Every structure is written in structure tokens, then in C-alpha cells.
Amino acid sequence: MRILMILSWLLLPMISSAKTTFSYYKCVTGETTVYSQHPCAANATQHTLSHSNPEAPPPDGQYTKTLNNIERQQLILRLKKTLRAKKQQAAVLGRKRDEATRDEQRRVSRMMEKGERAKTLNEVKRNIKSINTAYLKEVKILNKEITRLEKRLKRLE
């Protein structure tokens, strides 16, 4: 171990002319891991970090472009999720309407007298008509939102 350290200190100036290096020690003690510039335990392992050109300039002005792309991608994902939710909501509305019309139609299939049956039939027709008009209003609003979201998504992609 001591020989390796001496060799590393002798070879360090030759390596450092081309690269910038930094040595550190990693010590695992019980539950924790400690990083230090000096050996902190008997089981310390030496690690080396190096960089070929520490004076290299950062990338020029591409941060805003990258951030804008990331923001655009997140907006697209949110729009897709919202669009999927609206389509699911439309499907749920359709199922609820179908269930309500079935329930109303079951009322007609029961055994009853002719007068009562005619009255029930008219009531069922009115109820089904109101169910369908309410459904069509809600679906119309949902379809407008879906088309608006699809246009916005298409413009972003």
C-alpha cells in the first residue's frame, strides 16, 4: 500500500501535466461511508478523480434551449394525460347513460295494468329523453375540450 502511494506521488506530476487529478479515500465504517482526503480507517480505499481540461468553458448559451425543450416535453405529456382523462370521462358518461336508459326500460317490462302501463311508458320516454339531452350537452362540452386539446397538442408536436 505504501509503495503504491509513493509511486502515485511520483507519477502524479507527469499525469497532472495532461490532466488534473484529485485523490480521495473512501472508508466504510459500520453503517456509514466516509469520504476524506486522508485515510480514515484501516480499510480505506483510494480513488482518483481526473479531468482532462479543468479550464474548459461551459457550453455556450444552450441552457435556455434545453430548458425550453424540457418544458415543451412536459407540457406535451400533461396534455396527453389530460386528453386521455377527457376521453375516459366521455366513455364513463356513455356507460352511465346506457345504464340509466336500461333502468328506465326495465320499469316498462314489469307486469302492470294497461292504464298504469301507458302512464309509466310516457314517464319512461320523458326520462330517457331528459337523460339523452343531458348526455348530449355534457358530451358536446367534452368533445369541444378534446378538440381544443388535440389542436394544442398537434401545434406543440
N, C-alpha and C. Protein backbone atom coordinates (compact mmCIF):
# COMPACT_ATOMS: atom_id res chain seq x y z
N MET A 1 0.82 -1.19 0.00
CA MET A 1 0.00 0.00 0.00
C MET A 1 0.87 1.25 0.00
N ARG A 2 1.92 1.21 0.81
CA ARG A 2 2.81 2.37 0.91
C ARG A 2 3.56 2.58 -0.40
N ILE A 3 3.93 1.46 -1.05
CA ILE A 3 4.63 1.55 -2.33
C ILE A 3 3.73 2.18 -3.38
N LEU A 4 2.48 1.80 -3.38
CA LEU A 4 1.52 2.39 -4.33
C LEU A 4 1.37 3.89 -4.12
N MET A 5 1.34 4.30 -2.87
CA MET A 5 1.20 5.73 -2.59
C MET A 5 2.43 6.49 -3.05
N ILE A 6 3.61 5.92 -2.81
CA ILE A 6 4.85 6.59 -3.24
C ILE A 6 4.89 6.68 -4.76
N LEU A 7 4.54 5.57 -5.43
CA LEU A 7 4.50 5.59 -6.90
C LEU A 7 3.48 6.59 -7.42
N SER A 8 2.34 6.66 -6.76
CA SER A 8 1.33 7.61 -7.22
C SER A 8 1.81 9.05 -7.04
N TRP A 9 2.53 9.33 -5.94
CA TRP A 9 3.04 10.69 -5.74
C TRP A 9 4.15 11.01 -6.73
N LEU A 10 4.93 9.99 -7.13
CA LEU A 10 5.98 10.23 -8.11
C LEU A 10 5.42 10.40 -9.51
N LEU A 11 4.40 9.63 -9.84
CA LEU A 11 3.81 9.70 -11.17
C LEU A 11 2.79 10.82 -11.31
N LEU A 12 2.35 11.36 -10.20
CA LEU A 12 1.33 12.40 -10.22
C LEU A 12 1.76 13.64 -11.01
N PRO A 13 2.98 14.14 -10.86
CA PRO A 13 3.35 15.32 -11.65
C PRO A 13 3.33 15.06 -13.16
N MET A 14 3.69 13.85 -13.57
CA MET A 14 3.67 13.55 -15.01
C MET A 14 2.23 13.48 -15.52
N ILE A 15 1.36 12.91 -14.74
CA ILE A 15 -0.03 12.79 -15.15
C ILE A 15 -0.72 14.15 -15.10
N SER A 16 -0.37 14.96 -14.11
CA SER A 16 -1.06 16.22 -13.92
C SER A 16 -0.77 17.23 -15.02
N SER A 17 0.29 17.04 -15.77
CA SER A 17 0.54 17.97 -16.88
C SER A 17 -0.52 17.83 -17.95
N ALA A 18 -1.06 16.62 -18.13
CA ALA A 18 -2.10 16.41 -19.13
C ALA A 18 -3.49 16.49 -18.51
N LYS A 19 -3.59 16.08 -17.26
CA LYS A 19 -4.89 16.04 -16.62
C LYS A 19 -4.80 16.62 -15.22
N THR A 20 -5.91 17.06 -14.73
CA THR A 20 -5.99 17.48 -13.34
C THR A 20 -6.57 16.31 -12.57
N THR A 21 -5.85 15.90 -11.51
CA THR A 21 -6.31 14.74 -10.74
C THR A 21 -6.51 15.12 -9.29
N PHE A 22 -7.31 14.35 -8.63
CA PHE A 22 -7.58 14.54 -7.22
C PHE A 22 -7.80 13.17 -6.61
N SER A 23 -7.07 12.88 -5.56
CA SER A 23 -7.22 11.59 -4.88
C SER A 23 -8.02 11.78 -3.60
N TYR A 24 -8.84 10.81 -3.32
CA TYR A 24 -9.61 10.82 -2.08
C TYR A 24 -9.72 9.39 -1.57
N TYR A 25 -10.09 9.27 -0.32
CA TYR A 25 -10.21 7.96 0.32
C TYR A 25 -11.67 7.69 0.68
N LYS A 26 -12.05 6.44 0.51
CA LYS A 26 -13.40 6.02 0.86
C LYS A 26 -13.28 5.00 1.99
N CYS A 27 -13.90 5.32 3.11
CA CYS A 27 -13.87 4.44 4.27
C CYS A 27 -15.29 4.01 4.61
N VAL A 28 -15.50 2.71 4.67
CA VAL A 28 -16.80 2.17 5.05
C VAL A 28 -16.70 1.75 6.50
N THR A 29 -17.42 2.45 7.37
CA THR A 29 -17.37 2.16 8.80
C THR A 29 -18.77 1.86 9.30
N GLY A 30 -19.02 0.63 9.63
CA GLY A 30 -20.31 0.25 10.19
C GLY A 30 -21.46 0.55 9.24
N GLU A 31 -22.25 1.56 9.61
CA GLU A 31 -23.43 1.90 8.82
C GLU A 31 -23.17 3.01 7.81
N THR A 32 -22.07 3.72 7.92
CA THR A 32 -21.85 4.89 7.08
C THR A 32 -20.65 4.73 6.17
N THR A 33 -20.63 5.55 5.15
CA THR A 33 -19.49 5.65 4.26
C THR A 33 -18.94 7.06 4.37
N VAL A 34 -17.62 7.16 4.60
CA VAL A 34 -16.99 8.46 4.78
C VAL A 34 -15.98 8.67 3.67
N TYR A 35 -16.01 9.88 3.09
CA TYR A 35 -15.03 10.26 2.08
C TYR A 35 -14.11 11.30 2.69
N SER A 36 -12.79 11.12 2.48
CA SER A 36 -11.83 12.01 3.11
C SER A 36 -10.61 12.18 2.22
N GLN A 37 -9.81 13.24 2.51
CA GLN A 37 -8.57 13.44 1.77
C GLN A 37 -7.44 12.60 2.35
N HIS A 38 -7.63 12.12 3.57
CA HIS A 38 -6.62 11.30 4.24
C HIS A 38 -7.27 9.98 4.64
N PRO A 39 -6.47 8.90 4.73
CA PRO A 39 -7.04 7.62 5.14
C PRO A 39 -7.70 7.75 6.52
N CYS A 40 -8.92 7.30 6.61
CA CYS A 40 -9.67 7.48 7.85
C CYS A 40 -9.86 6.16 8.61
N ALA A 41 -9.48 5.04 8.00
CA ALA A 41 -9.60 3.75 8.67
C ALA A 41 -8.64 2.78 8.01
N ALA A 42 -8.52 1.60 8.60
CA ALA A 42 -7.61 0.60 8.04
C ALA A 42 -8.12 0.06 6.71
N ASN A 43 -9.41 0.08 6.50
CA ASN A 43 -9.97 -0.45 5.26
C ASN A 43 -10.21 0.64 4.21
N ALA A 44 -9.52 1.76 4.31
CA ALA A 44 -9.71 2.87 3.38
C ALA A 44 -9.22 2.48 1.98
N THR A 45 -10.02 2.83 0.98
CA THR A 45 -9.62 2.59 -0.41
C THR A 45 -9.43 3.93 -1.09
N GLN A 46 -8.37 4.00 -1.89
CA GLN A 46 -8.04 5.26 -2.55
C GLN A 46 -8.71 5.30 -3.92
N HIS A 47 -9.31 6.44 -4.24
CA HIS A 47 -9.95 6.66 -5.54
C HIS A 47 -9.40 7.94 -6.12
N THR A 48 -9.39 8.01 -7.43
CA THR A 48 -8.84 9.18 -8.10
C THR A 48 -9.86 9.74 -9.08
N LEU A 49 -10.04 11.05 -9.02
CA LEU A 49 -10.87 11.76 -9.99
C LEU A 49 -9.94 12.52 -10.91
N SER A 50 -10.26 12.55 -12.18
CA SER A 50 -9.42 13.31 -13.10
C SER A 50 -10.28 13.99 -14.15
N HIS A 51 -9.75 15.08 -14.66
CA HIS A 51 -10.42 15.83 -15.72
C HIS A 51 -9.35 16.27 -16.69
N SER A 52 -9.61 16.12 -17.97
CA SER A 52 -8.58 16.42 -18.96
C SER A 52 -8.32 17.91 -19.10
N ASN A 53 -9.34 18.75 -18.95
CA ASN A 53 -9.14 20.18 -19.10
C ASN A 53 -10.07 20.92 -18.15
N PRO A 54 -9.60 21.24 -16.96
CA PRO A 54 -10.47 21.89 -15.99
C PRO A 54 -10.84 23.32 -16.38
N GLU A 55 -10.10 23.92 -17.27
CA GLU A 55 -10.39 25.29 -17.68
C GLU A 55 -11.30 25.34 -18.90
N ALA A 56 -11.87 24.21 -19.27
CA ALA A 56 -12.77 24.18 -20.43
C ALA A 56 -14.00 25.02 -20.14
N PRO A 57 -14.40 25.83 -21.10
CA PRO A 57 -15.58 26.68 -20.86
C PRO A 57 -16.86 25.85 -20.89
N PRO A 58 -17.86 26.29 -20.16
CA PRO A 58 -19.14 25.57 -20.20
C PRO A 58 -19.79 25.74 -21.57
N PRO A 59 -20.74 24.88 -21.91
CA PRO A 59 -21.42 25.02 -23.19
C PRO A 59 -22.04 26.41 -23.32
N ASP A 60 -21.95 26.97 -24.49
CA ASP A 60 -22.36 28.36 -24.68
C ASP A 60 -23.86 28.49 -24.96
N GLY A 61 -24.58 29.08 -24.03
CA GLY A 61 -25.95 29.51 -24.20
C GLY A 61 -26.97 28.48 -24.61
N GLN A 62 -26.69 27.20 -24.47
CA GLN A 62 -27.67 26.19 -24.86
C GLN A 62 -28.60 25.83 -23.71
N TYR A 63 -28.37 26.43 -22.55
CA TYR A 63 -29.20 26.10 -21.40
C TYR A 63 -30.66 26.47 -21.63
N THR A 64 -30.89 27.66 -22.14
CA THR A 64 -32.28 28.08 -22.34
C THR A 64 -32.97 27.21 -23.38
N LYS A 65 -32.25 26.84 -24.42
CA LYS A 65 -32.84 25.98 -25.44
C LYS A 65 -33.19 24.61 -24.85
N THR A 66 -32.27 24.07 -24.06
CA THR A 66 -32.51 22.78 -23.43
C THR A 66 -33.68 22.85 -22.46
N LEU A 67 -33.70 23.91 -21.65
CA LEU A 67 -34.80 24.07 -20.69
C LEU A 67 -36.13 24.24 -21.41
N ASN A 68 -36.13 24.98 -22.50
CA ASN A 68 -37.37 25.15 -23.26
C ASN A 68 -37.85 23.82 -23.83
N ASN A 69 -36.92 23.01 -24.32
CA ASN A 69 -37.30 21.69 -24.84
C ASN A 69 -37.87 20.80 -23.74
N ILE A 70 -37.25 20.83 -22.58
CA ILE A 70 -37.75 20.03 -21.45
C ILE A 70 -39.14 20.50 -21.05
N GLU A 71 -39.32 21.81 -20.97
CA GLU A 71 -40.64 22.35 -20.61
C GLU A 71 -41.69 21.98 -21.64
N ARG A 72 -41.32 22.02 -22.93
CA ARG A 72 -42.24 21.66 -24.00
C ARG A 72 -42.64 20.18 -23.90
N GLN A 73 -41.65 19.32 -23.61
CA GLN A 73 -41.94 17.89 -23.47
C GLN A 73 -42.86 17.63 -22.28
N GLN A 74 -42.64 18.35 -21.18
CA GLN A 74 -43.52 18.18 -20.02
C GLN A 74 -44.93 18.66 -20.33
N LEU A 75 -45.04 19.76 -21.07
CA LEU A 75 -46.35 20.26 -21.47
C LEU A 75 -47.07 19.27 -22.36
N ILE A 76 -46.33 18.65 -23.28
CA ILE A 76 -46.91 17.64 -24.17
C ILE A 76 -47.42 16.45 -23.35
N LEU A 77 -46.62 16.00 -22.39
CA LEU A 77 -47.04 14.87 -21.54
C LEU A 77 -48.30 15.21 -20.74
N ARG A 78 -48.34 16.44 -20.17
CA ARG A 78 -49.53 16.84 -19.43
C ARG A 78 -50.75 16.91 -20.33
N LEU A 79 -50.58 17.43 -21.55
CA LEU A 79 -51.70 17.50 -22.49
C LEU A 79 -52.19 16.11 -22.86
N LYS A 80 -51.26 15.17 -23.07
CA LYS A 80 -51.66 13.80 -23.41
C LYS A 80 -52.44 13.17 -22.26
N LYS A 81 -51.98 13.40 -21.03
CA LYS A 81 -52.68 12.85 -19.87
C LYS A 81 -54.07 13.45 -19.74
N THR A 82 -54.17 14.76 -19.94
CA THR A 82 -55.47 15.42 -19.85
C THR A 82 -56.40 14.92 -20.94
N LEU A 83 -55.86 14.76 -22.14
CA LEU A 83 -56.66 14.27 -23.27
C LEU A 83 -57.18 12.86 -22.99
N ARG A 84 -56.32 12.02 -22.47
CA ARG A 84 -56.72 10.65 -22.12
C ARG A 84 -57.81 10.67 -21.04
N ALA A 85 -57.67 11.58 -20.06
CA ALA A 85 -58.67 11.67 -18.99
C ALA A 85 -60.01 12.13 -19.54
N LYS A 86 -59.99 13.09 -20.47
CA LYS A 86 -61.25 13.58 -21.06
C LYS A 86 -61.92 12.48 -21.88
N LYS A 87 -61.14 11.71 -22.62
CA LYS A 87 -61.72 10.61 -23.40
C LYS A 87 -62.31 9.55 -22.47
N GLN A 88 -61.63 9.29 -21.38
CA GLN A 88 -62.14 8.34 -20.39
C GLN A 88 -63.43 8.86 -19.77
N GLN A 89 -63.46 10.16 -19.50
CA GLN A 89 -64.66 10.77 -18.93
C GLN A 89 -65.84 10.64 -19.89
N ALA A 90 -65.59 10.81 -21.19
CA ALA A 90 -66.65 10.65 -22.19
C ALA A 90 -67.15 9.21 -22.21
N ALA A 91 -66.24 8.26 -22.10
CA ALA A 91 -66.64 6.85 -22.08
C ALA A 91 -67.49 6.54 -20.85
N VAL A 92 -67.11 7.10 -19.71
CA VAL A 92 -67.87 6.88 -18.48
C VAL A 92 -69.27 7.48 -18.60
N LEU A 93 -69.35 8.67 -19.22
CA LEU A 93 -70.67 9.28 -19.42
C LEU A 93 -71.56 8.39 -20.28
N GLY A 94 -70.98 7.81 -21.32
CA GLY A 94 -71.75 6.90 -22.18
C GLY A 94 -72.25 5.69 -21.42
N ARG A 95 -71.39 5.14 -20.57
CA ARG A 95 -71.81 3.97 -19.78
C ARG A 95 -72.91 4.34 -18.79
N LYS A 96 -72.79 5.51 -18.17
CA LYS A 96 -73.82 5.94 -17.22
C LYS A 96 -75.15 6.16 -17.93
N ARG A 97 -75.11 6.75 -19.12
CA ARG A 97 -76.34 6.97 -19.87
C ARG A 97 -76.98 5.64 -20.24
N ASP A 98 -76.17 4.71 -20.72
CA ASP A 98 -76.70 3.39 -21.08
C ASP A 98 -77.33 2.69 -19.87
N GLU A 99 -76.68 2.80 -18.73
CA GLU A 99 -77.21 2.18 -17.52
C GLU A 99 -78.54 2.82 -17.11
N ALA A 100 -78.61 4.15 -17.19
CA ALA A 100 -79.85 4.84 -16.81
C ALA A 100 -80.99 4.49 -17.76
N THR A 101 -80.71 4.40 -19.06
CA THR A 101 -81.77 4.05 -20.01
C THR A 101 -82.22 2.60 -19.81
N ARG A 102 -81.29 1.71 -19.49
CA ARG A 102 -81.68 0.32 -19.21
C ARG A 102 -82.59 0.24 -17.98
N ASP A 103 -82.23 1.02 -16.95
CA ASP A 103 -83.06 1.03 -15.75
C ASP A 103 -84.47 1.53 -16.05
N GLU A 104 -84.56 2.56 -16.87
CA GLU A 104 -85.88 3.09 -17.23
C GLU A 104 -86.66 2.08 -18.07
N GLN A 105 -85.98 1.40 -18.97
CA GLN A 105 -86.65 0.41 -19.82
C GLN A 105 -87.11 -0.80 -19.01
N ARG A 106 -86.42 -1.12 -17.94
CA ARG A 106 -86.83 -2.23 -17.08
C ARG A 106 -88.15 -1.93 -16.38
N ARG A 107 -88.38 -0.65 -16.14
CA ARG A 107 -89.65 -0.27 -15.50
C ARG A 107 -90.84 -0.65 -16.38
N VAL A 108 -90.64 -0.60 -17.72
CA VAL A 108 -91.73 -0.90 -18.65
C VAL A 108 -91.98 -2.40 -18.70
N SER A 109 -90.96 -3.20 -18.52
CA SER A 109 -91.11 -4.65 -18.68
C SER A 109 -91.81 -5.32 -17.50
N ARG A 110 -92.08 -4.57 -16.44
CA ARG A 110 -92.77 -5.16 -15.29
C ARG A 110 -94.25 -5.39 -15.61
N MET A 111 -94.84 -6.27 -14.88
CA MET A 111 -96.27 -6.57 -15.04
C MET A 111 -97.09 -5.45 -14.40
N MET A 112 -98.02 -4.88 -15.17
CA MET A 112 -98.91 -3.85 -14.64
C MET A 112 -100.16 -3.72 -15.50
N GLU A 113 -101.14 -2.98 -15.02
CA GLU A 113 -102.39 -2.79 -15.76
C GLU A 113 -102.16 -1.87 -16.95
N LYS A 114 -103.11 -1.86 -17.90
CA LYS A 114 -102.96 -1.09 -19.13
C LYS A 114 -102.84 0.41 -18.85
N GLY A 115 -103.67 0.95 -18.01
CA GLY A 115 -103.64 2.40 -17.72
C GLY A 115 -102.33 2.80 -17.05
N GLU A 116 -101.95 1.99 -16.09
CA GLU A 116 -100.69 2.26 -15.38
C GLU A 116 -99.50 2.08 -16.32
N ARG A 117 -99.60 1.11 -17.19
CA ARG A 117 -98.52 0.85 -18.15
C ARG A 117 -98.36 2.02 -19.11
N ALA A 118 -99.46 2.58 -19.61
CA ALA A 118 -99.39 3.73 -20.53
C ALA A 118 -98.77 4.94 -19.82
N LYS A 119 -99.18 5.17 -18.56
CA LYS A 119 -98.62 6.28 -17.81
C LYS A 119 -97.13 6.07 -17.57
N THR A 120 -96.75 4.86 -17.20
CA THR A 120 -95.34 4.54 -16.96
C THR A 120 -94.53 4.67 -18.24
N LEU A 121 -95.12 4.23 -19.37
CA LEU A 121 -94.43 4.31 -20.66
C LEU A 121 -94.14 5.76 -21.03
N ASN A 122 -95.11 6.64 -20.84
CA ASN A 122 -94.89 8.07 -21.13
C ASN A 122 -93.83 8.66 -20.20
N GLU A 123 -93.87 8.27 -18.95
CA GLU A 123 -92.88 8.77 -17.99
C GLU A 123 -91.48 8.27 -18.35
N VAL A 124 -91.39 7.02 -18.76
CA VAL A 124 -90.10 6.44 -19.15
C VAL A 124 -89.56 7.16 -20.38
N LYS A 125 -90.43 7.44 -21.35
CA LYS A 125 -89.99 8.16 -22.56
C LYS A 125 -89.45 9.54 -22.20
N ARG A 126 -90.17 10.25 -21.32
CA ARG A 126 -89.70 11.58 -20.89
C ARG A 126 -88.35 11.48 -20.16
N ASN A 127 -88.23 10.49 -19.29
CA ASN A 127 -86.97 10.32 -18.55
C ASN A 127 -85.81 9.99 -19.48
N ILE A 128 -86.06 9.10 -20.44
CA ILE A 128 -85.00 8.73 -21.39
C ILE A 128 -84.61 9.94 -22.24
N LYS A 129 -85.61 10.72 -22.62
CA LYS A 129 -85.32 11.92 -23.41
C LYS A 129 -84.48 12.91 -22.60
N SER A 130 -84.81 13.10 -21.34
CA SER A 130 -84.03 14.02 -20.49
C SER A 130 -82.62 13.47 -20.25
N ILE A 131 -82.51 12.16 -20.10
CA ILE A 131 -81.19 11.54 -19.93
C ILE A 131 -80.34 11.77 -21.17
N ASN A 132 -80.94 11.57 -22.35
CA ASN A 132 -80.20 11.76 -23.60
C ASN A 132 -79.81 13.22 -23.82
N THR A 133 -80.70 14.17 -23.50
CA THR A 133 -80.35 15.58 -23.69
C THR A 133 -79.23 15.99 -22.75
N ALA A 134 -79.29 15.54 -21.49
CA ALA A 134 -78.21 15.86 -20.54
C ALA A 134 -76.90 15.25 -21.01
N TYR A 135 -76.97 14.01 -21.49
CA TYR A 135 -75.77 13.33 -22.00
C TYR A 135 -75.19 14.08 -23.19
N LEU A 136 -76.05 14.49 -24.12
CA LEU A 136 -75.56 15.19 -25.32
C LEU A 136 -74.92 16.53 -24.97
N LYS A 137 -75.48 17.24 -23.98
CA LYS A 137 -74.87 18.51 -23.55
C LYS A 137 -73.47 18.27 -22.99
N GLU A 138 -73.37 17.29 -22.11
CA GLU A 138 -72.07 17.02 -21.48
C GLU A 138 -71.05 16.51 -22.50
N VAL A 139 -71.51 15.67 -23.43
CA VAL A 139 -70.60 15.14 -24.45
C VAL A 139 -70.16 16.24 -25.40
N LYS A 140 -71.05 17.17 -25.70
CA LYS A 140 -70.69 18.29 -26.57
C LYS A 140 -69.59 19.13 -25.94
N ILE A 141 -69.74 19.41 -24.65
CA ILE A 141 -68.71 20.18 -23.93
C ILE A 141 -67.39 19.40 -23.91
N LEU A 142 -67.46 18.10 -23.62
CA LEU A 142 -66.25 17.27 -23.58
C LEU A 142 -65.58 17.20 -24.95
N ASN A 143 -66.37 17.06 -26.01
CA ASN A 143 -65.80 16.99 -27.35
C ASN A 143 -65.11 18.30 -27.73
N LYS A 144 -65.67 19.43 -27.32
CA LYS A 144 -65.01 20.72 -27.57
C LYS A 144 -63.66 20.77 -26.86
N GLU A 145 -63.64 20.33 -25.60
CA GLU A 145 -62.38 20.32 -24.85
C GLU A 145 -61.38 19.37 -25.48
N ILE A 146 -61.85 18.22 -25.93
CA ILE A 146 -60.96 17.24 -26.56
C ILE A 146 -60.37 17.80 -27.84
N THR A 147 -61.19 18.43 -28.68
CA THR A 147 -60.66 19.00 -29.93
C THR A 147 -59.69 20.14 -29.64
N ARG A 148 -59.99 20.95 -28.61
CA ARG A 148 -59.07 22.04 -28.25
C ARG A 148 -57.73 21.47 -27.79
N LEU A 149 -57.77 20.42 -26.98
CA LEU A 149 -56.53 19.79 -26.51
C LEU A 149 -55.76 19.14 -27.65
N GLU A 150 -56.47 18.49 -28.57
CA GLU A 150 -55.80 17.86 -29.72
C GLU A 150 -55.13 18.89 -30.60
N LYS A 151 -55.79 20.03 -30.83
CA LYS A 151 -55.18 21.10 -31.64
C LYS A 151 -53.93 21.64 -30.96
N ARG A 152 -54.03 21.85 -29.66
CA ARG A 152 -52.88 22.37 -28.92
C ARG A 152 -51.72 21.38 -28.93
N LEU A 153 -52.05 20.09 -28.79
CA LEU A 153 -51.03 19.05 -28.81
C LEU A 153 -50.39 18.95 -30.19
N LYS A 154 -51.20 19.05 -31.22
CA LYS A 154 -50.68 18.98 -32.58
C LYS A 154 -49.74 20.15 -32.87
N ARG A 155 -50.09 21.33 -32.35
CA ARG A 155 -49.26 22.52 -32.55
C ARG A 155 -47.91 22.37 -31.85
N LEU A 156 -47.90 21.73 -30.68
CA LEU A 156 -46.65 21.56 -29.92
C LEU A 156 -45.77 20.46 -30.49
N GLU A 157 -46.38 19.44 -31.09
CA GLU A 157 -45.58 18.33 -31.63
C GLU A 157 -45.19 18.65 -33.01
